[in-house]
Amino acid sequence: MSRKPGRLRLWHGRDGQLWAERGERTSPVVVHRCFPWSAPSCHISLRDPDEEEFAHVRDLSLLDARSRTALLETLAVAGFVLEIKAIEEVVEEVEIRRWVVQTRQGPRRFQTRLDEWPADVAGGGVLIRDVAGDLYHVPDPAALDEASRGWLWTYAG
């Protein structure tokens, strides 16, 4: 199988790190979100161990499915998302769910579409994407208080 020389591929190595391949070059990379929070799936810098930019991901949708999944999982655990510590309330309204949560970064309110469900993240936790595209991560659902676990499992499975 031949590959396009400039095509970017991403995956998690046996070491748990995100690895990138472009052309003949392969390297472990770390992610740095460039801007803006209003477009979290755009403009992500992948940097090699020397902090040199290995690749720039203009839009996650341009990646193949495996690469997109690997990058999303890395973003979740890398702290580029809001970490949920407690879920106070989830209310279903017309075509949306309104969430009231406590995060490591402070109290938040956000909305998800009724057909958008929290997703399990390989390596642990649950990821929720709001209507603006912001990501909320529950790193250890079992560590939530009983009420929060009840809210989460009502919508996560």
Protein backbone atom coordinates (compact mmCIF):
# COMPACT_ATOMS: atom_id res chain seq x y z
CA MET A 1 0.00 0.00 0.00
CA SER A 2 1.48 3.35 -0.95
CA ARG A 3 0.98 6.42 1.20
CA LYS A 4 0.82 10.01 0.18
CA PRO A 5 4.11 11.59 1.30
CA GLY A 6 2.45 14.41 3.27
CA ARG A 7 -0.36 12.38 4.86
CA LEU A 8 -0.42 12.59 8.66
CA ARG A 9 -1.10 9.43 10.67
CA LEU A 10 -1.54 9.36 14.46
CA TRP A 11 -1.73 6.46 16.92
CA HIS A 12 -0.95 5.54 20.51
CA GLY A 13 2.28 3.57 20.88
CA ARG A 14 2.96 0.79 23.34
CA ASP A 15 4.43 3.48 25.59
CA GLY A 16 1.02 5.21 25.75
CA GLN A 17 2.31 8.29 23.93
CA LEU A 18 0.77 9.79 20.84
CA TRP A 19 2.94 9.04 17.80
CA ALA A 20 2.84 10.79 14.44
CA GLU A 21 4.04 9.81 11.02
CA ARG A 22 4.31 12.10 8.04
CA GLY A 23 6.22 10.89 5.02
CA GLU A 24 9.47 9.28 6.17
CA ARG A 25 9.43 10.97 9.58
CA THR A 26 7.98 9.36 12.74
CA SER A 27 8.07 10.84 16.24
CA PRO A 28 6.28 10.88 19.58
CA VAL A 29 4.35 14.14 19.81
CA VAL A 30 2.58 16.28 22.38
CA VAL A 31 -0.49 18.33 21.56
CA HIS A 32 -0.86 22.08 21.97
CA ARG A 33 -4.18 23.70 21.15
CA CYS A 34 -3.41 26.93 19.32
CA PHE A 35 -6.75 28.74 19.24
CA PRO A 36 -9.69 29.29 19.75
CA TRP A 37 -11.76 27.53 22.43
CA SER A 38 -14.80 28.17 20.23
CA ALA A 39 -13.30 25.79 17.63
CA PRO A 40 -11.72 23.01 19.72
CA SER A 41 -11.34 20.63 16.78
CA CYS A 42 -9.23 23.10 14.82
CA HIS A 43 -5.65 24.36 14.92
CA ILE A 44 -3.80 21.81 17.02
CA SER A 45 -0.01 21.86 17.00
CA LEU A 46 1.78 18.51 17.30
CA ARG A 47 5.27 19.01 18.69
CA ASP A 48 8.20 16.62 18.83
CA PRO A 49 10.35 16.06 21.94
CA ASP A 50 12.44 19.13 21.01
CA GLU A 51 9.24 21.25 21.03
CA GLU A 52 9.52 21.75 17.27
CA GLU A 53 6.25 21.60 15.39
CA PHE A 54 5.98 18.20 13.72
CA ALA A 55 2.57 18.93 12.17
CA HIS A 56 -0.32 21.35 12.41
CA VAL A 57 -3.83 19.88 12.39
CA ARG A 58 -6.04 22.52 10.83
CA ASP A 59 -9.23 20.51 11.41
CA LEU A 60 -9.79 17.11 13.06
CA SER A 61 -12.31 16.21 10.36
CA LEU A 62 -9.45 16.09 7.83
CA LEU A 63 -7.80 13.16 9.64
CA ASP A 64 -8.57 9.50 9.01
CA ALA A 65 -10.79 7.86 11.64
CA ARG A 66 -7.96 6.13 13.56
CA SER A 67 -5.86 9.30 13.71
CA ARG A 68 -8.86 11.43 14.73
CA THR A 69 -9.73 9.01 17.56
CA ALA A 70 -6.13 8.93 18.81
CA LEU A 71 -5.93 12.73 18.82
CA LEU A 72 -9.31 13.15 20.57
CA GLU A 73 -8.29 10.69 23.28
CA THR A 74 -4.98 12.50 23.75
CA LEU A 75 -6.73 15.85 24.02
CA ALA A 76 -9.03 14.42 26.69
CA VAL A 77 -6.22 13.24 28.92
CA ALA A 78 -3.87 16.14 28.17
CA GLY A 79 -5.94 18.68 30.06
CA PHE A 80 -7.31 20.57 27.07
CA VAL A 81 -10.77 19.83 28.32
CA LEU A 82 -12.73 20.78 31.38
CA GLU A 83 -12.55 18.07 34.04
CA ILE A 84 -15.92 17.32 35.65
CA LYS A 85 -15.80 16.78 39.42
CA ALA A 86 -19.58 16.71 40.06
CA ILE A 87 -22.81 16.78 38.08
CA GLU A 88 -25.49 18.82 39.82
CA GLU A 89 -28.28 18.59 37.28
CA VAL A 90 -29.15 17.51 33.75
CA VAL A 91 -32.41 18.79 32.27
CA GLU A 92 -33.82 17.71 28.92
CA GLU A 93 -35.32 20.54 26.94
CA VAL A 94 -36.41 20.87 23.33
CA GLU A 95 -33.66 19.15 21.32
CA ILE A 96 -30.99 19.74 23.99
CA ARG A 97 -29.81 18.66 27.42
CA ARG A 98 -28.72 21.38 29.83
CA TRP A 99 -25.92 20.29 32.18
CA VAL A 100 -24.96 22.03 35.43
CA VAL A 101 -21.58 20.76 36.63
CA GLN A 102 -18.64 21.51 38.86
CA THR A 103 -15.31 21.25 37.08
CA ARG A 104 -11.73 21.45 38.27
CA GLN A 105 -11.80 24.87 36.59
CA GLY A 106 -14.98 26.00 38.39
CA PRO A 107 -18.78 25.80 37.94
CA ARG A 108 -20.06 25.42 34.37
CA ARG A 109 -23.31 25.20 32.48
CA PHE A 110 -23.37 23.72 29.00
CA GLN A 111 -25.72 22.10 26.53
CA THR A 112 -25.55 18.90 24.49
CA ARG A 113 -27.81 17.75 21.70
CA LEU A 114 -30.31 15.04 22.65
CA ASP A 115 -28.64 12.68 20.18
CA GLU A 116 -25.11 13.43 21.50
CA TRP A 117 -24.15 10.91 24.16
CA PRO A 118 -21.20 10.82 26.57
CA ALA A 119 -18.54 8.46 25.20
CA ASP A 120 -16.13 6.11 26.92
CA VAL A 121 -12.49 7.04 26.39
CA ALA A 122 -9.92 4.31 25.83
CA GLY A 123 -7.66 4.39 28.83
CA GLY A 124 -10.47 5.44 31.15
CA GLY A 125 -13.13 8.01 31.71
CA VAL A 126 -16.03 9.51 29.86
CA LEU A 127 -15.96 12.40 27.39
CA ILE A 128 -18.86 14.79 26.76
CA ARG A 129 -18.91 17.25 23.82
CA ASP A 130 -21.19 20.28 24.15
CA VAL A 131 -23.00 22.09 21.33
CA ALA A 132 -20.13 24.59 21.03
CA GLY A 133 -17.62 21.74 20.60
CA ASP A 134 -16.01 22.13 24.03
CA LEU A 135 -14.98 18.89 25.72
CA TYR A 136 -15.75 17.80 29.27
CA HIS A 137 -13.94 14.80 30.74
CA VAL A 138 -14.84 12.62 33.71
CA PRO A 139 -11.51 10.86 34.35
CA ASP A 140 -12.87 8.37 36.92
CA PRO A 141 -16.66 8.05 36.94
CA ALA A 142 -16.52 5.73 39.98
CA ALA A 143 -14.92 8.54 42.00
CA LEU A 144 -17.93 10.83 41.51
CA ASP A 145 -20.44 11.22 44.32
CA GLU A 146 -23.53 9.01 44.14
CA ALA A 147 -25.83 11.68 42.68
CA SER A 148 -23.28 12.61 39.99
CA ARG A 149 -22.80 8.94 39.05
CA GLY A 150 -26.58 8.65 38.74
CA TRP A 151 -26.77 11.59 36.34
CA LEU A 152 -23.80 10.35 34.32
CA TRP A 153 -25.02 6.76 33.95
CA THR A 154 -28.48 7.97 32.97
CA TYR A 155 -26.92 9.46 29.83
CA ALA A 156 -23.71 7.45 29.37
CA GLY A 157 -25.06 4.01 29.46
